[in-house]
N, C-alpha and C. Protein backbone atom coordinates (compact mmCIF):
# COMPACT_ATOMS: atom_id res chain seq x y z
N UNK A 1 -26.33 73.97 -116.71
CA UNK A 1 -27.22 74.35 -115.64
C UNK A 1 -26.84 73.56 -114.39
N UNK A 2 -26.65 74.27 -113.30
CA UNK A 2 -26.29 73.62 -112.05
C UNK A 2 -27.56 73.22 -111.31
N UNK A 3 -27.61 71.97 -110.90
CA UNK A 3 -28.77 71.46 -110.17
C UNK A 3 -28.54 71.70 -108.68
N UNK A 4 -29.39 72.53 -108.09
CA UNK A 4 -29.28 72.81 -106.66
C UNK A 4 -30.59 72.45 -105.99
N UNK A 5 -30.53 72.24 -104.70
CA UNK A 5 -31.74 71.88 -103.95
C UNK A 5 -32.79 73.00 -103.99
N UNK A 6 -32.40 74.27 -103.80
CA UNK A 6 -33.42 75.33 -103.91
C UNK A 6 -34.04 75.41 -105.30
N UNK A 7 -33.23 75.18 -106.34
CA UNK A 7 -33.76 75.19 -107.70
C UNK A 7 -34.77 74.06 -107.92
N UNK A 8 -34.46 72.89 -107.38
CA UNK A 8 -35.40 71.77 -107.50
C UNK A 8 -36.67 72.04 -106.71
N UNK A 9 -36.55 72.67 -105.54
CA UNK A 9 -37.74 73.01 -104.76
C UNK A 9 -38.65 73.96 -105.53
N UNK A 10 -38.05 74.95 -106.17
CA UNK A 10 -38.83 75.91 -106.96
C UNK A 10 -39.52 75.21 -108.13
N UNK A 11 -38.79 74.34 -108.81
CA UNK A 11 -39.37 73.61 -109.94
C UNK A 11 -40.53 72.73 -109.49
N UNK A 12 -40.37 72.04 -108.38
CA UNK A 12 -41.45 71.20 -107.86
C UNK A 12 -42.67 72.04 -107.51
N UNK A 13 -42.45 73.18 -106.87
CA UNK A 13 -43.57 74.07 -106.51
C UNK A 13 -44.32 74.55 -107.75
N UNK A 14 -43.56 74.94 -108.78
CA UNK A 14 -44.20 75.42 -110.02
C UNK A 14 -45.00 74.31 -110.70
N UNK A 15 -44.43 73.13 -110.76
CA UNK A 15 -45.15 72.02 -111.39
C UNK A 15 -46.39 71.64 -110.58
N UNK A 16 -46.29 71.67 -109.27
CA UNK A 16 -47.46 71.36 -108.44
C UNK A 16 -48.57 72.39 -108.66
N UNK A 17 -48.18 73.64 -108.84
CA UNK A 17 -49.18 74.68 -109.13
C UNK A 17 -49.90 74.38 -110.43
N UNK A 18 -49.14 73.99 -111.45
CA UNK A 18 -49.76 73.64 -112.74
C UNK A 18 -50.67 72.42 -112.60
N UNK A 19 -50.21 71.42 -111.87
CA UNK A 19 -51.00 70.20 -111.70
C UNK A 19 -52.32 70.50 -111.01
N UNK A 20 -52.32 71.41 -110.05
CA UNK A 20 -53.52 71.70 -109.27
C UNK A 20 -54.53 72.58 -110.01
N UNK A 21 -54.11 73.24 -111.07
CA UNK A 21 -55.05 74.06 -111.85
C UNK A 21 -55.91 73.13 -112.71
N UNK A 22 -57.20 73.09 -112.44
CA UNK A 22 -58.10 72.16 -113.12
C UNK A 22 -58.26 72.45 -114.60
N UNK A 23 -58.31 73.70 -114.98
CA UNK A 23 -58.67 74.05 -116.36
C UNK A 23 -57.48 74.08 -117.31
N UNK A 24 -56.26 73.96 -116.83
CA UNK A 24 -55.09 74.11 -117.70
C UNK A 24 -54.67 72.82 -118.41
N UNK A 25 -54.78 71.69 -117.75
CA UNK A 25 -54.20 70.45 -118.28
C UNK A 25 -55.25 69.36 -118.45
N UNK A 26 -54.95 68.49 -119.42
CA UNK A 26 -55.77 67.29 -119.56
C UNK A 26 -55.29 66.27 -118.52
N UNK A 27 -56.06 65.21 -118.40
CA UNK A 27 -55.69 64.17 -117.43
C UNK A 27 -54.33 63.57 -117.77
N UNK A 28 -54.08 63.32 -119.06
CA UNK A 28 -52.81 62.74 -119.49
C UNK A 28 -51.64 63.68 -119.17
N UNK A 29 -51.81 64.97 -119.43
CA UNK A 29 -50.75 65.95 -119.14
C UNK A 29 -50.48 66.03 -117.63
N UNK A 30 -51.56 65.97 -116.87
CA UNK A 30 -51.42 66.02 -115.41
C UNK A 30 -50.64 64.81 -114.91
N UNK A 31 -50.95 63.62 -115.43
CA UNK A 31 -50.24 62.41 -115.03
C UNK A 31 -48.76 62.50 -115.39
N UNK A 32 -48.47 63.06 -116.56
CA UNK A 32 -47.08 63.23 -116.99
C UNK A 32 -46.33 64.15 -116.04
N UNK A 33 -46.99 65.24 -115.64
CA UNK A 33 -46.34 66.17 -114.72
C UNK A 33 -46.15 65.56 -113.33
N UNK A 34 -47.09 64.73 -112.91
CA UNK A 34 -46.94 64.05 -111.61
C UNK A 34 -45.71 63.14 -111.65
N UNK A 35 -45.51 62.44 -112.76
CA UNK A 35 -44.32 61.60 -112.91
C UNK A 35 -43.05 62.46 -112.91
N UNK A 36 -43.13 63.62 -113.56
CA UNK A 36 -41.98 64.52 -113.59
C UNK A 36 -41.62 64.99 -112.18
N UNK A 37 -42.65 65.32 -111.39
CA UNK A 37 -42.40 65.75 -110.00
C UNK A 37 -41.76 64.61 -109.21
N UNK A 38 -42.20 63.39 -109.45
CA UNK A 38 -41.61 62.24 -108.75
C UNK A 38 -40.14 62.08 -109.15
N UNK A 39 -39.83 62.25 -110.43
CA UNK A 39 -38.44 62.13 -110.89
C UNK A 39 -37.58 63.25 -110.30
N UNK A 40 -38.13 64.45 -110.24
CA UNK A 40 -37.38 65.57 -109.67
C UNK A 40 -37.16 65.35 -108.18
N UNK A 41 -38.15 64.77 -107.51
CA UNK A 41 -37.97 64.43 -106.10
C UNK A 41 -36.82 63.46 -105.89
N UNK A 42 -36.69 62.50 -106.81
CA UNK A 42 -35.57 61.55 -106.73
C UNK A 42 -34.24 62.28 -106.95
N UNK A 43 -34.23 63.23 -107.90
CA UNK A 43 -33.01 64.03 -108.12
C UNK A 43 -32.66 64.83 -106.87
N UNK A 44 -33.68 65.37 -106.23
CA UNK A 44 -33.47 66.16 -105.01
C UNK A 44 -32.85 65.28 -103.92
N UNK A 45 -33.31 64.04 -103.83
CA UNK A 45 -32.75 63.12 -102.83
C UNK A 45 -31.28 62.85 -103.13
N UNK A 46 -30.94 62.73 -104.41
CA UNK A 46 -29.54 62.49 -104.77
C UNK A 46 -28.68 63.70 -104.44
N UNK A 47 -29.21 64.90 -104.70
CA UNK A 47 -28.46 66.12 -104.37
C UNK A 47 -28.23 66.19 -102.87
N UNK A 48 -29.25 65.82 -102.09
CA UNK A 48 -29.11 65.83 -100.63
C UNK A 48 -28.07 64.82 -100.17
N UNK A 49 -28.03 63.65 -100.83
CA UNK A 49 -27.04 62.64 -100.47
C UNK A 49 -25.64 63.14 -100.78
N UNK A 50 -25.45 63.77 -101.93
CA UNK A 50 -24.14 64.30 -102.29
C UNK A 50 -23.72 65.39 -101.33
N UNK A 51 -24.69 66.20 -100.91
CA UNK A 51 -24.39 67.27 -99.97
C UNK A 51 -23.93 66.67 -98.65
N UNK A 52 -24.46 65.52 -98.28
CA UNK A 52 -24.07 64.86 -97.04
C UNK A 52 -22.63 64.36 -97.08
N UNK A 53 -22.11 64.08 -98.28
CA UNK A 53 -20.73 63.63 -98.41
C UNK A 53 -19.75 64.78 -98.27
N UNK A 54 -20.12 65.96 -98.68
CA UNK A 54 -19.22 67.11 -98.66
C UNK A 54 -18.76 67.46 -97.25
N UNK A 55 -19.65 67.50 -96.25
CA UNK A 55 -19.17 67.83 -94.90
C UNK A 55 -18.18 66.80 -94.36
N UNK A 56 -18.29 65.55 -94.79
CA UNK A 56 -17.35 64.53 -94.34
C UNK A 56 -15.95 64.87 -94.81
N UNK A 57 -15.82 65.30 -96.06
CA UNK A 57 -14.53 65.70 -96.59
C UNK A 57 -14.03 66.92 -95.86
N UNK A 58 -14.91 67.88 -95.61
CA UNK A 58 -14.53 69.10 -94.90
C UNK A 58 -14.08 68.77 -93.49
N UNK A 59 -14.74 67.82 -92.83
CA UNK A 59 -14.35 67.44 -91.48
C UNK A 59 -12.95 66.84 -91.47
N UNK A 60 -12.64 66.01 -92.48
CA UNK A 60 -11.30 65.42 -92.55
C UNK A 60 -10.25 66.51 -92.69
N UNK A 61 -10.54 67.50 -93.54
CA UNK A 61 -9.59 68.59 -93.73
C UNK A 61 -9.47 69.42 -92.46
N UNK A 62 -10.57 69.59 -91.75
CA UNK A 62 -10.58 70.41 -90.55
C UNK A 62 -9.79 69.75 -89.43
N UNK A 63 -9.72 68.44 -89.43
CA UNK A 63 -9.03 67.72 -88.37
C UNK A 63 -7.53 68.00 -88.37
N UNK A 64 -6.99 68.39 -89.53
CA UNK A 64 -5.57 68.65 -89.59
C UNK A 64 -5.24 69.79 -88.64
N UNK A 65 -4.24 69.58 -87.83
CA UNK A 65 -3.86 70.56 -86.82
C UNK A 65 -3.24 71.77 -87.51
N UNK A 66 -3.75 72.93 -87.14
CA UNK A 66 -3.22 74.18 -87.69
C UNK A 66 -2.18 74.73 -86.73
N UNK A 67 -1.16 75.36 -87.28
CA UNK A 67 -0.15 75.99 -86.44
C UNK A 67 -0.77 77.16 -85.70
N UNK A 68 -0.38 77.32 -84.46
CA UNK A 68 -0.90 78.41 -83.65
C UNK A 68 -0.30 79.73 -84.14
N UNK A 69 -1.17 80.68 -84.40
CA UNK A 69 -0.72 82.01 -84.79
C UNK A 69 -0.67 82.88 -83.54
N UNK A 70 0.51 83.33 -83.14
CA UNK A 70 0.58 84.13 -81.91
C UNK A 70 -0.10 85.49 -82.09
N UNK A 71 -0.77 85.91 -81.04
CA UNK A 71 -1.42 87.21 -81.02
C UNK A 71 -0.50 88.16 -80.27
N UNK A 72 -0.06 89.24 -80.91
CA UNK A 72 0.88 90.14 -80.24
C UNK A 72 0.32 90.78 -78.97
N UNK A 73 -1.00 90.81 -78.82
CA UNK A 73 -1.60 91.38 -77.62
C UNK A 73 -1.41 90.48 -76.41
N UNK A 74 -1.23 89.18 -76.67
CA UNK A 74 -1.09 88.21 -75.58
C UNK A 74 0.18 87.38 -75.82
N UNK A 75 1.34 87.95 -75.52
CA UNK A 75 2.59 87.26 -75.88
C UNK A 75 2.81 85.95 -75.12
N UNK A 76 2.19 85.77 -73.96
CA UNK A 76 2.40 84.55 -73.19
C UNK A 76 1.26 83.55 -73.36
N UNK A 77 0.41 83.77 -74.32
CA UNK A 77 -0.71 82.86 -74.55
C UNK A 77 -0.18 81.46 -74.85
N UNK A 78 -0.77 80.48 -74.20
CA UNK A 78 -0.37 79.09 -74.41
C UNK A 78 0.75 78.64 -73.49
N UNK A 79 1.27 79.55 -72.67
CA UNK A 79 2.33 79.20 -71.72
C UNK A 79 1.73 79.16 -70.32
N UNK A 80 2.23 78.28 -69.46
CA UNK A 80 1.69 78.23 -68.09
C UNK A 80 2.02 79.52 -67.32
N UNK A 81 1.16 79.79 -66.34
CA UNK A 81 1.38 80.97 -65.50
C UNK A 81 2.65 80.78 -64.69
N UNK A 82 3.36 81.88 -64.51
CA UNK A 82 4.53 81.86 -63.63
C UNK A 82 4.07 82.25 -62.23
N UNK A 83 4.86 81.88 -61.25
CA UNK A 83 4.46 82.10 -59.86
C UNK A 83 4.21 83.57 -59.55
N UNK A 84 5.05 84.46 -60.09
CA UNK A 84 4.86 85.88 -59.80
C UNK A 84 3.58 86.42 -60.42
N UNK A 85 3.15 85.84 -61.56
CA UNK A 85 1.89 86.27 -62.17
C UNK A 85 0.70 85.83 -61.31
N UNK A 86 0.80 84.64 -60.75
CA UNK A 86 -0.28 84.15 -59.89
C UNK A 86 -0.43 85.02 -58.64
N UNK A 87 0.69 85.36 -58.03
CA UNK A 87 0.61 86.19 -56.82
C UNK A 87 0.13 87.59 -57.14
N UNK A 88 0.51 88.13 -58.29
CA UNK A 88 0.05 89.46 -58.69
C UNK A 88 -1.47 89.48 -58.79
N UNK A 89 -2.04 88.48 -59.42
CA UNK A 89 -3.49 88.40 -59.57
C UNK A 89 -4.16 88.18 -58.21
N UNK A 90 -3.60 87.31 -57.41
CA UNK A 90 -4.18 87.05 -56.08
C UNK A 90 -4.16 88.31 -55.22
N UNK A 91 -3.05 89.04 -55.26
CA UNK A 91 -2.94 90.27 -54.47
C UNK A 91 -3.94 91.32 -54.94
N UNK A 92 -4.18 91.38 -56.24
CA UNK A 92 -5.11 92.37 -56.78
C UNK A 92 -6.55 92.02 -56.41
N UNK A 93 -6.87 90.73 -56.32
CA UNK A 93 -8.25 90.31 -56.04
C UNK A 93 -8.54 90.11 -54.56
N UNK A 94 -7.52 90.10 -53.72
CA UNK A 94 -7.72 89.80 -52.30
C UNK A 94 -8.72 90.74 -51.61
N UNK A 95 -8.67 92.06 -51.82
CA UNK A 95 -9.62 92.93 -51.13
C UNK A 95 -11.04 92.87 -51.69
N UNK A 96 -11.24 92.24 -52.84
CA UNK A 96 -12.56 92.19 -53.46
C UNK A 96 -13.33 91.00 -52.89
N UNK A 97 -14.57 91.22 -52.41
CA UNK A 97 -15.37 90.09 -51.89
C UNK A 97 -15.63 89.04 -52.97
N UNK A 98 -15.69 87.78 -52.57
CA UNK A 98 -15.86 86.68 -53.52
C UNK A 98 -17.12 86.82 -54.36
N UNK A 99 -18.22 87.31 -53.77
CA UNK A 99 -19.47 87.40 -54.52
C UNK A 99 -19.42 88.47 -55.61
N UNK A 100 -18.45 89.40 -55.55
CA UNK A 100 -18.34 90.42 -56.59
C UNK A 100 -17.43 90.00 -57.73
N UNK A 101 -16.65 88.98 -57.53
CA UNK A 101 -15.75 88.50 -58.58
C UNK A 101 -16.57 87.74 -59.62
N UNK A 102 -16.37 88.10 -60.87
CA UNK A 102 -17.05 87.41 -61.97
C UNK A 102 -18.42 87.96 -62.28
N UNK A 103 -18.82 89.07 -61.68
CA UNK A 103 -20.13 89.64 -62.00
C UNK A 103 -19.98 90.90 -62.80
């Protein structure tokens, strides 16, 4: 059985429902279940701590630089603009008023 945080939450909710029902349990049984809920809460804290370690490992793996995959739609991606490309764009945008650019 895999111990997960949602599973522990469900178990705690079910036990709390039993504890709150006055006619179902004796005082001794109720005390035993309260201790069980406390123990499960401690297990839940441990699961949360372990979960906190996993992202650290993932972050270390993520830091490794991945090779750039070229996109055929943008063959010059990652390369600086050439002078003729800059003038082409400037010439195309020159007649457009500044307030209309970017809207």
